[in-house]
Structure formats: structure tokens, C-alpha cells
Amino acid sequence: MIKTKIIAIVAAAGLLGGCDNMTTGQKGALTGAALGTGIGMVAGGSFGEVVGAGLIGGAVGYLGGSAISNNK
């Protein structure tokens, strides 16, 4: 269980390392999708639940990133 969490965190960090020329909304979407998918996997959900969690996380991350970008 801990090994899965560590792999998910390392994968998210690796993906975020390539975010140099992305907007704040795009960075938020990527982070939210990675976190949602990781949480779904750790919780032991089925494939559909994991994909759904990733999609919802991505949408929420995009909205949060866009809101932050608009308040600068």
C-alpha cells in the first residue's frame, strides 16, 4: 500500500516537472488529475472509478488554477 502511494507521488512530481510553459489552469488540471487518479488507485477503486476520479480531479484543478490566475 505504501509502495503504491510513493509511486503515485513520484509520478505526479515527474509530470509536474515538465510544466515550464503551461498556464496556471493547465498546471492545476494536471495536478488534480494526478491526485484524483492516485487517490482512486490507493482507495482500491475499479478502473471506471479511478478514471472518473482523475477526470473530476482534473476539472477541479483547472478551475482552481484558473481562479488563482485571474486573481493575480
Protein backbone atom coordinates (compact mmCIF):
# COMPACT_ATOMS: atom_id res chain seq x y z
CA MET A 1 0.00 0.00 0.00
CA ILE A 2 2.78 2.46 0.88
CA LYS A 3 4.68 1.46 -2.27
CA THR A 4 1.67 2.47 -4.39
CA LYS A 5 1.44 5.84 -2.67
CA ILE A 6 5.14 6.52 -3.22
CA ILE A 7 4.87 5.58 -6.91
CA ALA A 8 1.88 7.89 -7.36
CA ILE A 9 3.70 10.79 -5.70
CA VAL A 10 6.85 10.26 -7.76
CA ALA A 11 4.79 10.06 -10.96
CA ALA A 12 2.97 13.29 -10.11
CA ALA A 13 6.26 15.04 -9.36
CA GLY A 14 7.70 13.82 -12.66
CA LEU A 15 4.72 15.11 -14.61
CA LEU A 16 4.83 18.47 -12.88
CA GLY A 17 8.50 18.84 -13.74
CA GLY A 18 7.54 19.35 -17.39
CA CYS A 19 5.13 22.21 -16.68
CA ASP A 20 7.50 25.03 -17.51
CA ASN A 21 5.43 26.69 -20.25
CA MET A 22 1.92 25.81 -19.04
CA THR A 23 -0.73 28.19 -17.75
CA THR A 24 -1.78 28.06 -14.11
CA GLY A 25 -5.06 26.41 -15.10
CA GLN A 26 -3.26 23.69 -17.03
CA LYS A 27 -0.89 23.04 -14.14
CA GLY A 28 -3.87 22.78 -11.79
CA ALA A 29 -5.62 20.36 -14.14
CA LEU A 30 -2.57 18.12 -14.36
CA THR A 31 -2.05 18.16 -10.61
CA GLY A 32 -5.73 17.50 -9.88
CA ALA A 33 -5.90 14.63 -12.36
CA ALA A 34 -2.78 13.02 -10.91
CA LEU A 35 -4.04 13.38 -7.36
CA GLY A 36 -7.53 12.15 -8.21
CA THR A 37 -6.19 9.12 -10.04
CA GLY A 38 -3.72 8.34 -7.26
CA ILE A 39 -6.36 8.59 -4.58
CA GLY A 40 -8.69 6.36 -6.62
CA MET A 41 -5.95 3.74 -7.01
CA VAL A 42 -4.97 3.82 -3.35
CA ALA A 43 -8.62 3.53 -2.32
CA GLY A 44 -8.83 0.34 -4.38
CA GLY A 45 -11.46 1.51 -6.83
CA SER A 46 -12.33 -0.21 -10.07
CA PHE A 47 -10.95 1.07 -13.37
CA GLY A 48 -14.01 3.23 -14.02
CA GLU A 49 -13.86 4.79 -10.58
CA VAL A 50 -10.14 5.57 -10.92
CA VAL A 51 -10.65 7.20 -14.33
CA GLY A 52 -13.64 9.14 -13.00
CA ALA A 53 -11.64 10.37 -10.04
CA GLY A 54 -8.89 11.53 -12.40
CA LEU A 55 -11.37 13.40 -14.60
CA ILE A 56 -13.06 15.08 -11.66
CA GLY A 57 -9.69 15.97 -10.11
CA GLY A 58 -8.54 17.45 -13.40
CA ALA A 59 -11.66 19.59 -13.74
CA VAL A 60 -11.44 20.87 -10.18
CA GLY A 61 -7.73 21.54 -10.58
CA TYR A 62 -8.31 23.51 -13.77
CA LEU A 63 -10.99 25.66 -12.14
CA GLY A 64 -8.78 26.29 -9.11
CA GLY A 65 -5.76 27.14 -11.25
CA SER A 66 -7.81 29.48 -13.42
CA ALA A 67 -9.21 31.23 -10.35
CA ILE A 68 -5.71 31.72 -8.97
CA SER A 69 -4.51 33.03 -12.33
CA ASN A 70 -7.37 35.55 -12.52
CA ASN A 71 -6.63 36.91 -9.03
CA LYS A 72 -3.00 37.83 -9.70
